[in-house]
Protein backbone atom coordinates (compact mmCIF):
# COMPACT_ATOMS: atom_id res chain seq x y z
CA MET A 1 96.29 216.57 285.74
CA THR A 2 97.85 219.17 283.37
CA GLN A 3 99.81 220.29 280.46
CA ALA A 4 100.55 223.94 280.21
CA PRO A 5 97.93 225.12 277.78
CA ARG A 6 98.29 227.67 275.05
CA HIS A 7 95.08 229.25 276.30
CA THR A 8 94.19 230.58 279.71
CA PRO A 9 93.76 227.27 281.45
CA HIS A 10 91.12 225.48 283.14
CA HIS A 11 92.37 223.46 286.09
CA GLY A 12 93.98 220.36 284.93
CA HIS A 13 96.76 219.00 282.94
CA HIS A 14 98.35 220.85 280.16
CA THR A 15 100.08 219.86 277.05
CA ALA A 16 100.80 222.76 274.79
CA ARG A 17 103.78 225.06 274.72
CA ASN A 18 104.54 226.93 277.91
CA ASP A 19 104.85 230.61 277.02
CA HIS A 20 103.30 232.17 280.09
CA HIS A 21 104.73 234.67 282.54
CA PRO A 22 106.43 232.93 285.53
CA ARG A 23 103.87 234.46 287.91
CA ASP A 24 101.05 233.04 285.79
CA VAL A 25 102.67 229.60 285.88
CA GLU A 26 103.09 229.82 289.66
CA ASP A 27 99.47 230.91 290.12
CA GLN A 28 98.32 228.08 287.92
CA ALA A 29 100.43 225.58 289.86
CA GLU A 30 98.85 226.72 293.13
CA LEU A 31 95.40 226.37 291.60
CA LEU A 32 96.21 222.88 290.34
CA ASP A 33 97.38 221.92 293.82
CA LEU A 34 94.08 223.16 295.26
CA ASP A 35 92.14 221.33 292.58
CA GLY A 36 93.94 218.12 293.51
CA GLU A 37 93.37 218.66 297.23
CA VAL A 38 89.69 219.56 297.04
CA LEU A 39 88.77 216.88 294.48
CA ALA A 40 91.08 214.14 295.79
CA GLU A 41 88.24 211.75 296.70
CA HIS A 42 86.72 212.05 293.24
CA ILE A 43 90.04 211.49 291.48
CA ALA A 44 90.60 208.40 293.63
CA ALA A 45 87.09 207.16 292.78
CA ILE A 46 87.86 207.46 289.07
CA THR A 47 91.12 205.52 289.35
CA ALA A 48 89.32 202.82 291.35
CA TRP A 49 86.65 202.54 288.64
CA LEU A 50 89.05 202.03 285.74
CA PRO A 51 88.40 198.63 284.07
CA VAL A 52 92.00 197.43 284.15
CA ARG A 53 92.46 193.70 283.50
CA GLU A 54 95.62 193.48 285.58
CA PRO A 55 97.09 196.12 287.90
CA PRO A 56 99.18 198.32 285.60
CA ARG A 57 102.94 198.43 286.09
CA GLN A 58 103.85 201.20 283.65
CA ILE A 59 101.63 204.31 283.54
CA VAL A 60 101.97 207.51 281.55
CA ASP A 61 100.23 210.67 282.86
CA LEU A 62 99.82 213.03 279.90
CA GLY A 63 99.59 216.65 280.97
CA CYS A 64 100.33 215.79 284.59
CA GLY A 65 100.40 219.33 285.95
CA THR A 66 101.53 219.32 289.56
CA GLY A 67 100.65 215.67 290.05
CA ALA A 68 97.08 215.19 291.29
CA GLY A 69 96.53 212.32 288.88
CA THR A 70 100.05 210.97 289.21
CA PHE A 71 99.77 210.52 292.97
CA ALA A 72 96.24 209.11 292.78
CA LEU A 73 97.51 206.51 290.31
CA LEU A 74 100.52 205.67 292.48
CA ALA A 75 98.21 205.20 295.46
CA GLY A 76 95.69 203.14 293.50
CA PHE A 77 98.31 200.91 291.87
CA PRO A 78 101.07 200.33 294.44
CA GLU A 79 103.29 198.33 292.07
CA ALA A 80 103.17 200.91 289.29
CA HIS A 81 105.70 203.44 288.05
CA VAL A 82 104.44 206.67 286.46
CA THR A 83 106.01 208.71 283.68
CA ALA A 84 104.64 212.21 284.24
CA VAL A 85 104.58 214.38 281.10
CA ASP A 86 103.97 218.14 280.94
CA SER A 87 105.19 221.15 278.98
CA SER A 88 105.78 223.22 282.14
CA ALA A 89 109.18 222.77 283.77
CA GLY A 90 107.83 224.50 286.87
CA HIS A 91 104.97 222.06 287.23
CA LEU A 92 107.30 219.10 286.76
CA GLN A 93 109.71 220.43 289.37
CA ARG A 94 106.84 220.85 291.82
CA LEU A 95 105.66 217.30 291.10
CA ALA A 96 109.17 215.89 291.60
CA GLU A 97 109.50 217.69 294.94
CA LYS A 98 106.19 216.23 296.09
CA ALA A 99 107.32 212.77 295.02
CA ARG A 100 110.46 213.12 297.15
CA ASP A 101 108.45 214.41 300.12
CA ARG A 102 106.05 211.48 299.85
CA GLY A 103 108.79 208.89 299.48
CA VAL A 104 107.81 207.77 295.98
CA ALA A 105 110.51 209.49 293.91
CA ASP A 106 111.77 206.09 292.75
CA ARG A 107 108.37 205.43 291.16
CA VAL A 108 108.11 208.69 289.20
CA ARG A 109 109.89 209.89 286.08
CA THR A 110 109.20 213.40 284.76
CA VAL A 111 109.39 214.26 281.06
CA ALA A 112 109.07 217.73 279.56
CA ALA A 113 107.25 217.63 276.23
CA ASP A 114 104.81 219.54 274.06
CA LEU A 115 102.24 216.91 273.17
CA ASP A 116 101.16 218.87 270.12
CA ASP A 117 104.53 218.07 268.56
CA ALA A 118 104.37 215.36 265.90
CA ALA A 119 107.27 213.47 267.52
CA TRP A 120 107.09 212.59 271.21
CA PRO A 121 109.99 211.64 273.47
CA HIS A 122 110.34 207.99 274.42
CA LEU A 123 107.67 207.19 277.00
CA GLY A 124 108.18 203.44 277.28
CA SER A 125 105.46 200.85 276.69
CA PRO A 126 102.70 201.68 279.19
CA ASP A 127 99.75 199.48 279.99
CA LEU A 128 97.78 202.53 281.21
CA VAL A 129 97.78 206.08 279.85
CA TRP A 130 95.94 208.76 281.83
CA ALA A 131 94.98 212.18 280.46
CA SER A 132 92.97 214.39 282.79
CA ALA A 133 91.83 217.85 281.61
CA SER A 134 94.54 217.82 278.95
CA MET A 135 93.01 216.40 275.79
CA HIS A 136 90.82 219.44 275.13
CA HIS A 137 93.95 221.59 274.87
CA MET A 138 95.35 219.58 271.96
CA GLY A 139 95.60 221.32 268.62
CA ARG A 140 95.40 217.95 266.82
CA PRO A 141 93.54 215.61 269.17
CA ASP A 142 93.02 213.05 266.38
CA ARG A 143 96.78 212.71 265.98
CA THR A 144 97.29 212.59 269.75
CA LEU A 145 94.75 209.78 270.12
CA ARG A 146 96.45 207.72 267.41
CA THR A 147 99.84 208.31 269.05
CA VAL A 148 98.51 207.11 272.40
CA HIS A 149 96.96 204.06 270.73
CA ASP A 150 100.30 203.07 269.25
CA LEU A 151 102.12 203.83 272.52
CA LEU A 152 100.03 201.44 274.61
CA VAL A 153 100.77 197.75 274.78
CA PRO A 154 98.04 195.54 273.21
CA GLY A 155 95.25 195.28 275.78
CA GLY A 156 96.36 198.50 277.45
CA LEU A 157 93.90 201.13 278.66
CA PHE A 158 93.61 204.85 277.90
CA ALA A 159 91.67 206.92 280.45
CA VAL A 160 90.47 210.33 279.27
CA VAL A 161 89.08 212.49 282.07
CA GLU A 162 87.43 215.82 281.32
CA LEU A 163 85.50 218.38 283.32
CA ALA A 164 82.12 219.63 282.13
CA GLY A 165 83.42 223.17 282.69
CA PHE A 166 84.76 225.42 285.38
CA PRO A 167 83.44 224.54 288.85
CA ARG A 168 80.68 226.64 290.40
CA PHE A 169 81.04 227.89 293.96
CA LEU A 170 78.35 230.45 294.81
CA PRO A 171 74.61 229.99 295.39
CA ALA A 172 72.40 231.31 292.59
CA ASN A 173 71.26 234.35 294.60
CA ALA A 174 74.79 235.56 295.30
CA PRO A 175 76.19 238.09 295.68
CA GLN A 176 73.30 240.00 297.18
CA ASP A 177 73.80 243.09 295.02
CA ARG A 178 74.34 241.14 291.75
CA PRO A 179 72.57 237.76 292.00
CA GLY A 180 73.48 235.32 289.26
CA LEU A 181 76.90 236.92 288.77
CA GLU A 182 78.80 233.64 288.66
CA GLU A 183 76.59 232.17 285.92
CA ARG A 184 77.02 235.31 283.83
CA CYS A 185 80.78 235.01 284.23
CA HIS A 186 80.63 231.37 283.17
CA ALA A 187 78.48 232.19 280.15
CA ALA A 188 81.05 234.76 279.01
CA SER A 189 83.87 232.29 279.68
CA ASP A 190 82.08 229.57 277.71
CA ARG A 191 81.77 231.88 274.71
CA HIS A 192 85.49 232.61 274.88
CA HIS A 193 86.48 228.97 275.15
CA ALA A 194 84.11 227.87 272.38
CA GLU A 195 86.26 230.01 270.09
CA HIS A 196 89.71 229.29 271.51
CA VAL A 197 89.39 225.77 272.99
CA PRO A 198 86.88 224.08 270.67
CA HIS A 199 87.36 220.56 272.09
CA ARG A 200 86.39 221.50 275.64
CA GLY A 201 83.21 219.62 276.48
CA ALA A 202 83.61 217.21 273.55
CA ASP A 203 82.32 213.65 273.50
CA TRP A 204 85.57 211.70 273.31
CA GLY A 205 83.93 208.32 272.76
CA PRO A 206 83.52 208.55 268.97
CA MET A 207 86.97 210.08 268.57
CA LEU A 208 88.55 207.27 270.57
CA THR A 209 86.79 204.69 268.43
CA GLU A 210 87.90 206.47 265.26
CA ALA A 211 91.50 206.31 266.51
CA GLY A 212 91.29 202.50 266.78
CA PHE A 213 90.31 202.06 270.43
CA THR A 214 87.50 199.92 271.78
CA LEU A 215 85.46 201.83 274.34
CA ASP A 216 85.36 199.81 277.56
CA GLY A 217 83.36 202.20 279.69
CA GLU A 218 82.17 205.75 280.26
CA ARG A 219 81.17 207.31 283.54
CA THR A 220 80.15 210.77 284.73
CA ILE A 221 80.81 211.68 288.34
CA THR A 222 78.85 214.54 289.90
CA VAL A 223 80.85 216.58 292.36
CA HIS A 224 79.22 218.55 295.18
CA ILE A 225 81.50 219.45 298.07
CA GLU A 226 80.27 221.76 300.81
CA GLY A 227 82.74 224.52 301.58
CA ALA A 228 82.57 223.92 305.31
CA ARG A 229 84.40 220.61 304.84
CA THR A 230 87.73 222.26 304.11
CA THR A 231 89.28 225.72 304.16
CA ALA A 232 90.84 224.90 300.79
CA VAL A 233 87.47 225.44 299.08
CA GLY A 234 87.62 229.21 299.68
CA ALA A 235 91.12 229.44 298.24
CA TYR A 236 90.07 227.23 295.32
CA ALA A 237 87.06 229.46 294.61
CA LEU A 238 89.20 232.60 294.81
CA GLY A 239 91.85 231.26 292.43
CA SER A 240 89.29 229.88 290.01
CA LEU A 241 87.28 233.09 289.77
CA ARG A 242 90.45 235.12 289.36
CA ARG A 243 91.28 232.96 286.34
CA ILE A 244 87.82 233.50 284.91
CA ARG A 245 88.06 237.26 285.49
CA HIS A 246 91.21 237.34 283.36
CA THR A 247 89.19 235.89 280.48
CA VAL A 248 85.88 237.73 280.81
CA ALA A 249 86.71 241.18 282.22
CA ASP A 250 86.29 242.92 278.87
CA THR A 251 82.84 241.44 278.29
CA LEU A 252 81.19 242.00 281.67
CA THR A 253 79.09 245.02 282.52
CA ALA A 254 80.73 247.60 284.76
CA GLU A 255 78.37 246.58 287.58
CA ASP A 256 79.19 242.90 287.27
CA LEU A 257 82.92 243.55 287.06
CA ALA A 258 82.80 245.71 290.19
CA ALA A 259 80.85 243.03 292.05
CA LEU A 260 83.31 240.36 290.91
CA ASP A 261 86.24 242.46 292.08
CA ARG A 262 84.64 242.82 295.50
CA LEU A 263 84.45 239.03 295.73
CA LEU A 264 88.08 238.72 294.62
CA ASP A 265 89.42 241.28 297.09
CA ALA A 266 90.86 238.79 299.58
CA GLY A 267 91.07 241.37 302.36
CA GLY A 268 87.80 243.17 301.68
CA PRO A 269 84.50 242.85 303.53
CA GLY A 270 82.85 241.25 300.49
CA SER A 271 85.62 238.71 299.89
CA ILE A 272 84.63 235.25 298.77
CA LEU A 273 86.93 234.00 301.55
CA ARG A 274 84.47 235.39 304.11
CA ARG A 275 81.47 233.49 302.77
CA ASP A 276 80.10 230.44 304.59
CA ASP A 277 77.85 229.29 301.74
CA LEU A 278 80.45 228.08 299.25
CA ALA A 279 80.32 224.67 297.58
CA VAL A 280 82.21 223.03 294.72
CA ARG A 281 79.80 221.89 292.01
CA THR A 282 80.98 220.31 288.79
CA GLU A 283 81.02 217.07 286.80
CA ARG A 284 83.83 214.88 285.55
CA THR A 285 83.43 212.35 282.77
CA VAL A 286 85.89 209.53 282.18
CA TRP A 287 86.18 207.45 279.03
CA ALA A 288 88.07 204.15 279.32
CA ALA A 289 89.32 202.97 275.93
CA ARG A 290 91.32 199.84 275.18
CA ARG A 291 93.90 199.06 272.53
CA VAL A 292 92.74 195.65 271.33
CA ARG A 293 95.73 194.83 269.11
């Protein structure tokens, strides 16, 4: 679900140039893996909902990240082959290793590409294109949508999946000394992303229609996963809030920043990993658009 973004990413697929420090890329890859693990049921539900006319045989995953969408598509469409596209060589290597471990390497092709480039590498003639959490990173989404339209075979489907925003993890009254801290962090993050990632949270329906697609369906899935269900939720919350801290540290009050750092101290008594009241709360919206001719 990613392309390596030019901005500090949200979890998902990335498409822009990869100019980040190797440690940042590794941290992001681990977060993408956690995202895929924690939200696996919801990703599978989206692939099952897609209004495909025939089971697709050739799929392109734009901004594939470390493969959450790729492997959900392979599982949902057992006869399909997936071309997984991302700007991060590290993410693609991780995806390829997973494919070998899962015995599906013969059904996956990885392609390194910056999807903001005017010319794309040859991606075949897919009957399904999937873009999860990648479209909002595009510098020219109108051009990208037209390129995808022309890439698809007539009758083919384009699935755009976007998150409403960063997931929430803490109850509203947490932490005890700074209740509401997470929402204040998200508000600061939203202000940052409104400036630097203007297409995050966009309604892709009208843009898809403008690009020549016919909209075949739209669905919003509400996600609420109790932390007790899996130990991965704590790690997911820790990684996610660390990402947000990187963006908002300069805009938080000293008291809020100190409280956030106590949550992010993995070995400290106030660590988010020690909490038993975590949950993953977010929404995902999927637009299914068809190339008619």
